[in-house]
């Protein structure tokens, strides 16, 4: 039985979209020599893996701490887009379970 990696983003660490993308970079990338895109397409790619934190296609759990704060500061439209991508509603190929706190 393999252990599923758990990654936590904390809404207290950001208050805008750029901060969200920086937080995602912090937890889902390790030792990249280049900058990731700070957009929803790049976020989707990072969830698939292969950027140092987890292998490509490896199942993960994403815990979003202080989610209500993020909803207020990022706006519901953006948060809904992020949730749709995270939950892979478009079958884009990643395996991510989402936990909201």
PDB file of N, CA and C in Angstrom:
ATOM      1  N   UNK A   1       0.838  -1.174   0.000  1.00  0.00           N
ATOM      2  CA  UNK A   1       0.000   0.000   0.000  1.00  0.00           C
ATOM      3  C   UNK A   1       0.890   1.246   0.000  1.00  0.00           C
ATOM      4  N   UNK A   2       0.658   2.151  -0.934  1.00  0.00           N
ATOM      5  CA  UNK A   2       1.471   3.360  -0.994  1.00  0.00           C
ATOM      6  C   UNK A   2       0.830   4.481  -0.181  1.00  0.00           C
ATOM      7  N   UNK A   3       1.663   5.336   0.302  1.00  0.00           N
ATOM      8  CA  UNK A   3       1.203   6.474   1.082  1.00  0.00           C
ATOM      9  C   UNK A   3       0.942   7.636   0.136  1.00  0.00           C
ATOM     10  N   UNK A   4      -0.239   8.234   0.244  1.00  0.00           N
ATOM     11  CA  UNK A   4      -0.579   9.376  -0.598  1.00  0.00           C
ATOM     12  C   UNK A   4       0.000  10.637   0.034  1.00  0.00           C
ATOM     13  N   UNK A   5       0.704  11.411  -0.765  1.00  0.00           N
ATOM     14  CA  UNK A   5       1.292  12.656  -0.289  1.00  0.00           C
ATOM     15  C   UNK A   5       0.212  13.698  -0.058  1.00  0.00           C
ATOM     16  N   UNK A   6       0.378  14.439   1.024  1.00  0.00           N
ATOM     17  CA  UNK A   6      -0.555  15.503   1.386  1.00  0.00           C
ATOM     18  C   UNK A   6       0.183  16.829   1.290  1.00  0.00           C
ATOM     19  N   UNK A   7      -0.407  17.760   0.574  1.00  0.00           N
ATOM     20  CA  UNK A   7       0.139  19.105   0.430  1.00  0.00           C
ATOM     21  C   UNK A   7      -0.856  20.097   1.000  1.00  0.00           C
ATOM     22  N   UNK A   8      -0.361  21.067   1.758  1.00  0.00           N
ATOM     23  CA  UNK A   8      -1.233  22.062   2.378  1.00  0.00           C
ATOM     24  C   UNK A   8      -0.937  23.450   1.832  1.00  0.00           C
ATOM     25  N   UNK A   9      -2.003  24.101   1.369  1.00  0.00           N
ATOM     26  CA  UNK A   9      -1.904  25.525   1.084  1.00  0.00           C
ATOM     27  C   UNK A   9      -2.658  26.230   2.199  1.00  0.00           C
ATOM     28  N   UNK A  10      -2.154  27.363   2.610  1.00  0.00           N
ATOM     29  CA  UNK A  10      -2.735  28.079   3.733  1.00  0.00           C
ATOM     30  C   UNK A  10      -3.184  29.457   3.270  1.00  0.00           C
ATOM     31  N   UNK A  11      -4.480  29.685   3.344  1.00  0.00           N
ATOM     32  CA  UNK A  11      -5.039  30.970   2.950  1.00  0.00           C
ATOM     33  C   UNK A  11      -4.470  32.142   3.726  1.00  0.00           C
ATOM     34  N   UNK A  12      -3.863  31.895   4.879  1.00  0.00           N
ATOM     35  CA  UNK A  12      -3.222  32.976   5.629  1.00  0.00           C
ATOM     36  C   UNK A  12      -1.915  33.418   4.980  1.00  0.00           C
ATOM     37  N   UNK A  13      -1.394  32.636   4.032  1.00  0.00           N
ATOM     38  CA  UNK A  13      -0.128  32.971   3.381  1.00  0.00           C
ATOM     39  C   UNK A  13      -0.289  33.832   2.133  1.00  0.00           C
ATOM     40  N   UNK A  14      -1.534  34.125   1.731  1.00  0.00           N
ATOM     41  CA  UNK A  14      -1.753  34.938   0.528  1.00  0.00           C
ATOM     42  C   UNK A  14      -3.096  35.655   0.621  1.00  0.00           C
ATOM     43  N   UNK A  15      -3.228  36.724  -0.154  1.00  0.00           N
ATOM     44  CA  UNK A  15      -4.479  37.477  -0.149  1.00  0.00           C
ATOM     45  C   UNK A  15      -4.902  37.918  -1.549  1.00  0.00           C
ATOM     46  N   UNK A  16      -4.157  37.462  -2.567  1.00  0.00           N
ATOM     47  CA  UNK A  16      -4.527  37.768  -3.946  1.00  0.00           C
ATOM     48  C   UNK A  16      -4.114  36.602  -4.847  1.00  0.00           C
ATOM     49  N   UNK A  17      -4.464  36.699  -6.118  1.00  0.00           N
ATOM     50  CA  UNK A  17      -4.191  35.594  -7.050  1.00  0.00           C
ATOM     51  C   UNK A  17      -2.697  35.320  -7.188  1.00  0.00           C
ATOM     52  N   UNK A  18      -1.901  36.364  -7.287  1.00  0.00           N
ATOM     53  CA  UNK A  18      -0.450  36.169  -7.413  1.00  0.00           C
ATOM     54  C   UNK A  18       0.092  35.431  -6.192  1.00  0.00           C
ATOM     55  N   UNK A  19      -0.395  35.804  -5.019  1.00  0.00           N
ATOM     56  CA  UNK A  19       0.021  35.126  -3.799  1.00  0.00           C
ATOM     57  C   UNK A  19      -0.406  33.667  -3.795  1.00  0.00           C
ATOM     58  N   UNK A  20      -1.599  33.385  -4.322  1.00  0.00           N
ATOM     59  CA  UNK A  20      -2.074  32.002  -4.441  1.00  0.00           C
ATOM     60  C   UNK A  20      -1.107  31.189  -5.302  1.00  0.00           C
ATOM     61  N   UNK A  21      -0.744  31.739  -6.461  1.00  0.00           N
ATOM     62  CA  UNK A  21       0.164  31.012  -7.354  1.00  0.00           C
ATOM     63  C   UNK A  21       1.538  30.819  -6.716  1.00  0.00           C
ATOM     64  N   UNK A  22       2.015  31.802  -5.974  1.00  0.00           N
ATOM     65  CA  UNK A  22       3.297  31.651  -5.271  1.00  0.00           C
ATOM     66  C   UNK A  22       3.204  30.549  -4.216  1.00  0.00           C
ATOM     67  N   UNK A  23       2.081  30.471  -3.518  1.00  0.00           N
ATOM     68  CA  UNK A  23       1.880  29.419  -2.514  1.00  0.00           C
ATOM     69  C   UNK A  23       1.857  28.050  -3.192  1.00  0.00           C
ATOM     70  N   UNK A  24       1.182  27.949  -4.326  1.00  0.00           N
ATOM     71  CA  UNK A  24       1.130  26.682  -5.074  1.00  0.00           C
ATOM     72  C   UNK A  24       2.538  26.292  -5.531  1.00  0.00           C
ATOM     73  N   UNK A  25       3.288  27.258  -6.046  1.00  0.00           N
ATOM     74  CA  UNK A  25       4.673  26.976  -6.444  1.00  0.00           C
ATOM     75  C   UNK A  25       5.471  26.456  -5.254  1.00  0.00           C
ATOM     76  N   UNK A  26       5.291  27.082  -4.104  1.00  0.00           N
ATOM     77  CA  UNK A  26       6.044  26.715  -2.906  1.00  0.00           C
ATOM     78  C   UNK A  26       5.802  25.262  -2.524  1.00  0.00           C
ATOM     79  N   UNK A  27       4.558  24.787  -2.670  1.00  0.00           N
ATOM     80  CA  UNK A  27       4.265  23.428  -2.197  1.00  0.00           C
ATOM     81  C   UNK A  27       4.354  22.357  -3.285  1.00  0.00           C
ATOM     82  N   UNK A  28       4.142  22.718  -4.551  1.00  0.00           N
ATOM     83  CA  UNK A  28       4.083  21.692  -5.607  1.00  0.00           C
ATOM     84  C   UNK A  28       5.316  21.647  -6.503  1.00  0.00           C
ATOM     85  N   UNK A  29       6.315  22.516  -6.228  1.00  0.00           N
ATOM     86  CA  UNK A  29       7.548  22.468  -7.009  1.00  0.00           C
ATOM     87  C   UNK A  29       8.744  22.426  -6.065  1.00  0.00           C
ATOM     88  N   UNK A  30       9.798  21.770  -6.517  1.00  0.00           N
ATOM     89  CA  UNK A  30      11.041  21.711  -5.756  1.00  0.00           C
ATOM     90  C   UNK A  30      12.203  21.840  -6.739  1.00  0.00           C
ATOM     91  N   UNK A  31      13.092  22.777  -6.457  1.00  0.00           N
ATOM     92  CA  UNK A  31      14.346  22.940  -7.205  1.00  0.00           C
ATOM     93  C   UNK A  31      14.170  23.178  -8.709  1.00  0.00           C
ATOM     94  N   UNK A  32      13.138  23.890  -9.099  1.00  0.00           N
ATOM     95  CA  UNK A  32      13.013  24.253 -10.514  1.00  0.00           C
ATOM     96  C   UNK A  32      14.011  25.359 -10.826  1.00  0.00           C
ATOM     97  N   UNK A  33      14.565  25.320 -12.023  1.00  0.00           N
ATOM     98  CA  UNK A  33      15.499  26.363 -12.445  1.00  0.00           C
ATOM     99  C   UNK A  33      14.805  27.402 -13.315  1.00  0.00           C
ATOM    100  N   UNK A  34      13.484  27.327 -13.399  1.00  0.00           N
ATOM    101  CA  UNK A  34      12.686  28.248 -14.191  1.00  0.00           C
ATOM    102  C   UNK A  34      11.403  28.554 -13.432  1.00  0.00           C
ATOM    103  N   UNK A  35      10.734  29.623 -13.809  1.00  0.00           N
ATOM    104  CA  UNK A  35       9.497  30.036 -13.141  1.00  0.00           C
ATOM    105  C   UNK A  35       8.297  29.382 -13.815  1.00  0.00           C
ATOM    106  N   UNK A  36       7.352  28.973 -13.016  1.00  0.00           N
ATOM    107  CA  UNK A  36       6.119  28.426 -13.560  1.00  0.00           C
ATOM    108  C   UNK A  36       5.211  29.570 -13.986  1.00  0.00           C
ATOM    109  N   UNK A  37       4.260  29.256 -14.837  1.00  0.00           N
ATOM    110  CA  UNK A  37       3.245  30.243 -15.187  1.00  0.00           C
ATOM    111  C   UNK A  37       2.329  30.486 -14.005  1.00  0.00           C
ATOM    112  N   UNK A  38       1.893  31.676 -13.854  1.00  0.00           N
ATOM    113  CA  UNK A  38       0.954  31.985 -12.778  1.00  0.00           C
ATOM    114  C   UNK A  38      -0.423  32.209 -13.386  1.00  0.00           C
ATOM    115  N   UNK A  39      -1.023  31.080 -13.762  1.00  0.00           N
ATOM    116  CA  UNK A  39      -2.352  31.084 -14.356  1.00  0.00           C
ATOM    117  C   UNK A  39      -2.991  29.721 -14.095  1.00  0.00           C
ATOM    118  N   UNK A  40      -4.254  29.595 -14.433  1.00  0.00           N
ATOM    119  CA  UNK A  40      -4.986  28.366 -14.118  1.00  0.00           C
ATOM    120  C   UNK A  40      -4.490  27.172 -14.923  1.00  0.00           C
ATOM    121  N   UNK A  41      -4.044  27.389 -16.145  1.00  0.00           N
ATOM    122  CA  UNK A  41      -3.503  26.273 -16.937  1.00  0.00           C
ATOM    123  C   UNK A  41      -2.241  25.706 -16.290  1.00  0.00           C
ATOM    124  N   UNK A  42      -1.368  26.589 -15.831  1.00  0.00           N
ATOM    125  CA  UNK A  42      -0.140  26.139 -15.160  1.00  0.00           C
ATOM    126  C   UNK A  42      -0.481  25.441 -13.846  1.00  0.00           C
ATOM    127  N   UNK A  43      -1.481  25.953 -13.121  1.00  0.00           N
ATOM    128  CA  UNK A  43      -1.925  25.302 -11.887  1.00  0.00           C
ATOM    129  C   UNK A  43      -2.350  23.863 -12.172  1.00  0.00           C
ATOM    130  N   UNK A  44      -3.111  23.672 -13.224  1.00  0.00           N
ATOM    131  CA  UNK A  44      -3.544  22.336 -13.622  1.00  0.00           C
ATOM    132  C   UNK A  44      -2.340  21.438 -13.906  1.00  0.00           C
ATOM    133  N   UNK A  45      -1.359  21.972 -14.602  1.00  0.00           N
ATOM    134  CA  UNK A  45      -0.142  21.200 -14.893  1.00  0.00           C
ATOM    135  C   UNK A  45       0.574  20.795 -13.608  1.00  0.00           C
ATOM    136  N   UNK A  46       0.679  21.718 -12.654  1.00  0.00           N
ATOM    137  CA  UNK A  46       1.370  21.417 -11.400  1.00  0.00           C
ATOM    138  C   UNK A  46       0.658  20.313 -10.624  1.00  0.00           C
ATOM    139  N   UNK A  47      -0.656  20.271 -10.699  1.00  0.00           N
ATOM    140  CA  UNK A  47      -1.396  19.209 -10.011  1.00  0.00           C
ATOM    141  C   UNK A  47      -1.073  17.838 -10.589  1.00  0.00           C
ATOM    142  N   UNK A  48      -0.751  17.781 -11.881  1.00  0.00           N
ATOM    143  CA  UNK A  48      -0.410  16.503 -12.514  1.00  0.00           C
ATOM    144  C   UNK A  48       0.900  15.943 -11.982  1.00  0.00           C
ATOM    145  N   UNK A  49       1.786  16.827 -11.530  1.00  0.00           N
ATOM    146  CA  UNK A  49       3.053  16.369 -10.976  1.00  0.00           C
ATOM    147  C   UNK A  49       4.201  16.459 -11.950  1.00  0.00           C
ATOM    148  N   UNK A  50       5.359  16.012 -11.473  1.00  0.00           N
ATOM    149  CA  UNK A  50       6.556  16.029 -12.283  1.00  0.00           C
ATOM    150  C   UNK A  50       7.406  17.279 -12.099  1.00  0.00           C
ATOM    151  N   UNK A  51       7.113  18.064 -11.068  1.00  0.00           N
ATOM    152  CA  UNK A  51       7.841  19.307 -10.829  1.00  0.00           C
ATOM    153  C   UNK A  51       8.616  19.257  -9.512  1.00  0.00           C
ATOM    154  N   UNK A  52       8.952  18.044  -9.071  1.00  0.00           N
ATOM    155  CA  UNK A  52       9.808  17.865  -7.914  1.00  0.00           C
ATOM    156  C   UNK A  52       9.108  17.459  -6.632  1.00  0.00           C
ATOM    157  N   UNK A  53       7.864  17.868  -6.441  1.00  0.00           N
ATOM    158  CA  UNK A  53       7.172  17.556  -5.188  1.00  0.00           C
ATOM    159  C   UNK A  53       6.475  16.197  -5.232  1.00  0.00           C
ATOM    160  N   UNK A  54       5.951  15.834  -6.397  1.00  0.00           N
ATOM    161  CA  UNK A  54       5.353  14.508  -6.579  1.00  0.00           C
ATOM    162  C   UNK A  54       5.495  14.108  -8.047  1.00  0.00           C
ATOM    163  N   UNK A  55       5.458  12.820  -8.282  1.00  0.00           N
ATOM    164  CA  UNK A  55       5.666  12.289  -9.625  1.00  0.00           C
ATOM    165  C   UNK A  55       4.468  12.573 -10.529  1.00  0.00           C
ATOM    166  N   UNK A  56       4.730  12.602 -11.827  1.00  0.00           N
ATOM    167  CA  UNK A  56       3.662  12.809 -12.800  1.00  0.00           C
ATOM    168  C   UNK A  56       2.601  11.717 -12.631  1.00  0.00           C
ATOM    169  N   UNK A  57       1.353  12.133 -12.466  1.00  0.00           N
ATOM    170  CA  UNK A  57       0.246  11.200 -12.326  1.00  0.00           C
ATOM    171  C   UNK A  57       0.061  10.601 -10.946  1.00  0.00           C
ATOM    172  N   UNK A  58       0.945  10.919 -10.016  1.00  0.00           N
ATOM    173  CA  UNK A  58       0.849  10.377  -8.653  1.00  0.00           C
ATOM    174  C   UNK A  58      -0.355  10.994  -7.935  1.00  0.00           C
ATOM    175  N   UNK A  59      -1.191  10.181  -7.306  1.00  0.00           N
ATOM    176  CA  UNK A  59      -2.322  10.726  -6.539  1.00  0.00           C
ATOM    177  C   UNK A  59      -1.823  11.563  -5.360  1.00  0.00           C
ATOM    178  N   UNK A  60      -2.515  12.681  -5.120  1.00  0.00           N
ATOM    179  CA  UNK A  60      -2.170  13.549  -3.997  1.00  0.00           C
ATOM    180  C   UNK A  60      -3.436  14.013  -3.287  1.00  0.00           C
ATOM    181  N   UNK A  61      -3.244  14.526  -2.090  1.00  0.00           N
ATOM    182  CA  UNK A  61      -4.301  15.215  -1.350  1.00  0.00           C
ATOM    183  C   UNK A  61      -3.862  16.663  -1.211  1.00  0.00           C
ATOM    184  N   UNK A  62      -4.760  17.578  -1.540  1.00  0.00           N
ATOM    185  CA  UNK A  62      -4.499  18.997  -1.371  1.00  0.00           C
ATOM    186  C   UNK A  62      -5.409  19.507  -0.262  1.00  0.00           C
ATOM    187  N   UNK A  63      -4.799  19.961   0.831  1.00  0.00           N
ATOM    188  CA  UNK A  63      -5.543  20.551   1.947  1.00  0.00           C
ATOM    189  C   UNK A  63      -5.450  22.061   1.835  1.00  0.00           C
ATOM    190  N   UNK A  64      -6.604  22.696   1.825  1.00  0.00           N
ATOM    191  CA  UNK A  64      -6.639  24.153   1.734  1.00  0.00           C
ATOM    192  C   UNK A  64      -7.080  24.689   3.084  1.00  0.00           C
ATOM    193  N   UNK A  65      -6.113  25.152   3.858  1.00  0.00           N
ATOM    194  CA  UNK A  65      -6.379  25.719   5.170  1.00  0.00           C
ATOM    195  C   UNK A  65      -6.869  27.157   5.021  1.00  0.00           C
ATOM    196  N   UNK A  66      -7.721  27.586   5.927  1.00  0.00           N
ATOM    197  CA  UNK A  66      -8.274  28.942   5.902  1.00  0.00           C
ATOM    198  C   UNK A  66      -8.939  29.256   4.561  1.00  0.00           C
ATOM    199  N   UNK A  67      -9.719  28.272   4.101  1.00  0.00           N
ATOM    200  CA  UNK A  67     -10.388  28.376   2.809  1.00  0.00           C
ATOM    201  C   UNK A  67     -11.370  29.543   2.773  1.00  0.00           C
ATOM    202  N   UNK A  68     -12.123  29.767   3.831  1.00  0.00           N
ATOM    203  CA  UNK A  68     -13.106  30.858   3.823  1.00  0.00           C
ATOM    204  C   UNK A  68     -12.441  32.217   3.627  1.00  0.00           C
ATOM    205  N   UNK A  69     -11.270  32.403   4.217  1.00  0.00           N
ATOM    206  CA  UNK A  69     -10.515  33.639   4.008  1.00  0.00           C
ATOM    207  C   UNK A  69     -10.149  33.776   2.528  1.00  0.00           C
ATOM    208  N   UNK A  70      -9.723  32.687   1.920  1.00  0.00           N
ATOM    209  CA  UNK A  70      -9.361  32.716   0.501  1.00  0.00           C
ATOM    210  C   UNK A  70     -10.568  33.052  -0.367  1.00  0.00           C
ATOM    211  N   UNK A  71     -11.716  32.482  -0.044  1.00  0.00           N
ATOM    212  CA  UNK A  71     -12.931  32.784  -0.813  1.00  0.00           C
ATOM    213  C   UNK A  71     -13.226  34.275  -0.799  1.00  0.00           C
ATOM    214  N   UNK A  72     -13.108  34.872   0.361  1.00  0.00           N
ATOM    215  CA  UNK A  72     -13.396  36.301   0.484  1.00  0.00           C
ATOM    216  C   UNK A  72     -12.382  37.148  -0.279  1.00  0.00           C
ATOM    217  N   UNK A  73     -11.123  36.811  -0.177  1.00  0.00           N
ATOM    218  CA  UNK A  73     -10.077  37.656  -0.756  1.00  0.00           C
ATOM    219  C   UNK A  73      -9.844  37.409  -2.240  1.00  0.00           C
ATOM    220  N   UNK A  74     -10.017  36.174  -2.694  1.00  0.00           N
ATOM    221  CA  UNK A  74      -9.771  35.855  -4.102  1.00  0.00           C
ATOM    222  C   UNK A  74     -11.011  36.041  -4.961  1.00  0.00           C
ATOM    223  N   UNK A  75     -12.164  36.012  -4.341  1.00  0.00           N
ATOM    224  CA  UNK A  75     -13.419  36.126  -5.091  1.00  0.00           C
ATOM    225  C   UNK A  75     -13.956  34.757  -5.453  1.00  0.00           C
ATOM    226  N   UNK A  76     -15.255  34.650  -5.405  1.00  0.00           N
ATOM    227  CA  UNK A  76     -15.899  33.348  -5.615  1.00  0.00           C
ATOM    228  C   UNK A  76     -15.668  32.809  -7.029  1.00  0.00           C
ATOM    229  N   UNK A  77     -15.661  33.660  -8.034  1.00  0.00           N
ATOM    230  CA  UNK A  77     -15.481  33.181  -9.414  1.00  0.00           C
ATOM    231  C   UNK A  77     -14.127  32.489  -9.566  1.00  0.00           C
ATOM    232  N   UNK A  78     -13.069  33.119  -9.071  1.00  0.00           N
ATOM    233  CA  UNK A  78     -11.732  32.529  -9.168  1.00  0.00           C
ATOM    234  C   UNK A  78     -11.659  31.238  -8.362  1.00  0.00           C
ATOM    235  N   UNK A  79     -12.186  31.254  -7.147  1.00  0.00           N
ATOM    236  CA  UNK A  79     -12.147  30.062  -6.291  1.00  0.00           C
ATOM    237  C   UNK A  79     -12.904  28.912  -6.946  1.00  0.00           C
ATOM    238  N   UNK A  80     -14.037  29.182  -7.557  1.00  0.00           N
ATOM    239  CA  UNK A  80     -14.779  28.117  -8.245  1.00  0.00           C
ATOM    240  C   UNK A  80     -13.970  27.536  -9.394  1.00  0.00           C
ATOM    241  N   UNK A  81     -13.258  28.387 -10.136  1.00  0.00           N
ATOM    242  CA  UNK A  81     -12.384  27.892 -11.206  1.00  0.00           C
ATOM    243  C   UNK A  81     -11.296  26.987 -10.641  1.00  0.00           C
ATOM    244  N   UNK A  82     -10.690  27.406  -9.531  1.00  0.00           N
ATOM    245  CA  UNK A  82      -9.632  26.614  -8.899  1.00  0.00           C
ATOM    246  C   UNK A  82     -10.192  25.273  -8.421  1.00  0.00           C
ATOM    247  N   UNK A  83     -11.369  25.298  -7.811  1.00  0.00           N
ATOM    248  CA  UNK A  83     -11.982  24.059  -7.333  1.00  0.00           C
ATOM    249  C   UNK A  83     -12.292  23.112  -8.485  1.00  0.00           C
ATOM    250  N   UNK A  84     -12.809  23.651  -9.574  1.00  0.00           N
ATOM    251  CA  UNK A  84     -13.134  22.820 -10.743  1.00  0.00           C
ATOM    252  C   UNK A  84     -11.884  22.137 -11.287  1.00  0.00           C
ATOM    253  N   UNK A  85     -10.794  22.894 -11.364  1.00  0.00           N
ATOM    254  CA  UNK A  85      -9.527  22.317 -11.845  1.00  0.00           C
ATOM    255  C   UNK A  85      -9.009  21.286 -10.854  1.00  0.00           C
ATOM    256  N   UNK A  86      -9.024  21.623  -9.579  1.00  0.00           N
ATOM    257  CA  UNK A  86      -8.491  20.726  -8.556  1.00  0.00           C
ATOM    258  C   UNK A  86      -9.239  19.399  -8.538  1.00  0.00           C
ATOM    259  N   UNK A  87     -10.550  19.466  -8.676  1.00  0.00           N
ATOM    260  CA  UNK A  87     -11.379  18.255  -8.646  1.00  0.00           C
ATOM    261  C   UNK A  87     -11.408  17.549  -9.995  1.00  0.00           C
ATOM    262  N   UNK A  88     -10.685  18.080 -10.971  1.00  0.00           N
ATOM    263  CA  UNK A  88     -10.541  17.489 -12.304  1.00  0.00           C
ATOM    264  C   UNK A  88     -11.887  17.251 -12.984  1.00  0.00           C
ATOM    265  N   UNK A  89     -12.745  18.251 -12.926  1.00  0.00           N
ATOM    266  CA  UNK A  89     -14.056  18.157 -13.562  1.00  0.00           C
ATOM    267  C   UNK A  89     -13.953  18.012 -15.081  1.00  0.00           C
ATOM    268  N   UNK A  90     -12.833  18.414 -15.652  1.00  0.00           N
ATOM    269  CA  UNK A  90     -12.644  18.340 -17.106  1.00  0.00           C
ATOM    270  C   UNK A  90     -11.837  17.114 -17.525  1.00  0.00           C
ATOM    271  N   UNK A  91     -11.566  16.212 -16.569  1.00  0.00           N
ATOM    272  CA  UNK A  91     -10.782  15.009 -16.857  1.00  0.00           C
ATOM    273  C   UNK A  91      -9.442  15.328 -17.511  1.00  0.00           C
ATOM    274  N   UNK A  92      -8.707  16.236 -16.896  1.00  0.00           N
ATOM    275  CA  UNK A  92      -7.438  16.662 -17.475  1.00  0.00           C
ATOM    276  C   UNK A  92      -6.274  15.740 -17.125  1.00  0.00           C
ATOM    277  N   UNK A  93      -6.489  14.796 -16.223  1.00  0.00           N
ATOM    278  CA  UNK A  93      -5.470  13.786 -16.021  1.00  0.00           C
ATOM    279  C   UNK A  93      -4.729  13.787 -14.705  1.00  0.00           C
ATOM    280  N   UNK A  94      -5.149  14.563 -13.732  1.00  0.00           N
ATOM    281  CA  UNK A  94      -4.480  14.453 -12.439  1.00  0.00           C
ATOM    282  C   UNK A  94      -5.407  13.764 -11.441  1.00  0.00           C
ATOM    283  N   UNK A  95      -4.819  13.292 -10.376  1.00  0.00           N
ATOM    284  CA  UNK A  95      -5.553  12.551  -9.348  1.00  0.00           C
ATOM    285  C   UNK A  95      -5.360  13.290  -8.026  1.00  0.00           C
ATOM    286  N   UNK A  96      -6.284  14.193  -7.733  1.00  0.00           N
ATOM    287  CA  UNK A  96      -6.145  15.058  -6.572  1.00  0.00           C
ATOM    288  C   UNK A  96      -7.433  15.045  -5.753  1.00  0.00           C
ATOM    289  N   UNK A  97      -7.291  14.680  -4.499  1.00  0.00           N
ATOM    290  CA  UNK A  97      -8.399  14.784  -3.552  1.00  0.00           C
ATOM    291  C   UNK A  97      -8.261  16.134  -2.865  1.00  0.00           C
ATOM    292  N   UNK A  98      -9.371  16.824  -2.652  1.00  0.00           N
ATOM    293  CA  UNK A  98      -9.350  18.152  -2.052  1.00  0.00           C
ATOM    294  C   UNK A  98     -10.016  18.116  -0.690  1.00  0.00           C
ATOM    295  N   UNK A  99      -9.352  18.731   0.292  1.00  0.00           N
ATOM    296  CA  UNK A  99      -9.923  18.892   1.633  1.00  0.00           C
ATOM    297  C   UNK A  99      -9.899  20.376   1.970  1.00  0.00           C
ATOM    298  N   UNK A 100     -11.046  20.895   2.381  1.00  0.00           N
ATOM    299  CA  UNK A 100     -11.171  22.322   2.705  1.00  0.00           C
ATOM    300  C   UNK A 100     -11.314  22.495   4.213  1.00  0.00           C
ATOM    301  N   UNK A 101     -10.550  23.414   4.756  1.00  0.00           N
ATOM    302  CA  UNK A 101     -10.587  23.696   6.189  1.00  0.00           C
ATOM    303  C   UNK A 101     -10.725  25.178   6.427  1.00  0.00           C
TER     304      UNK A 101
END
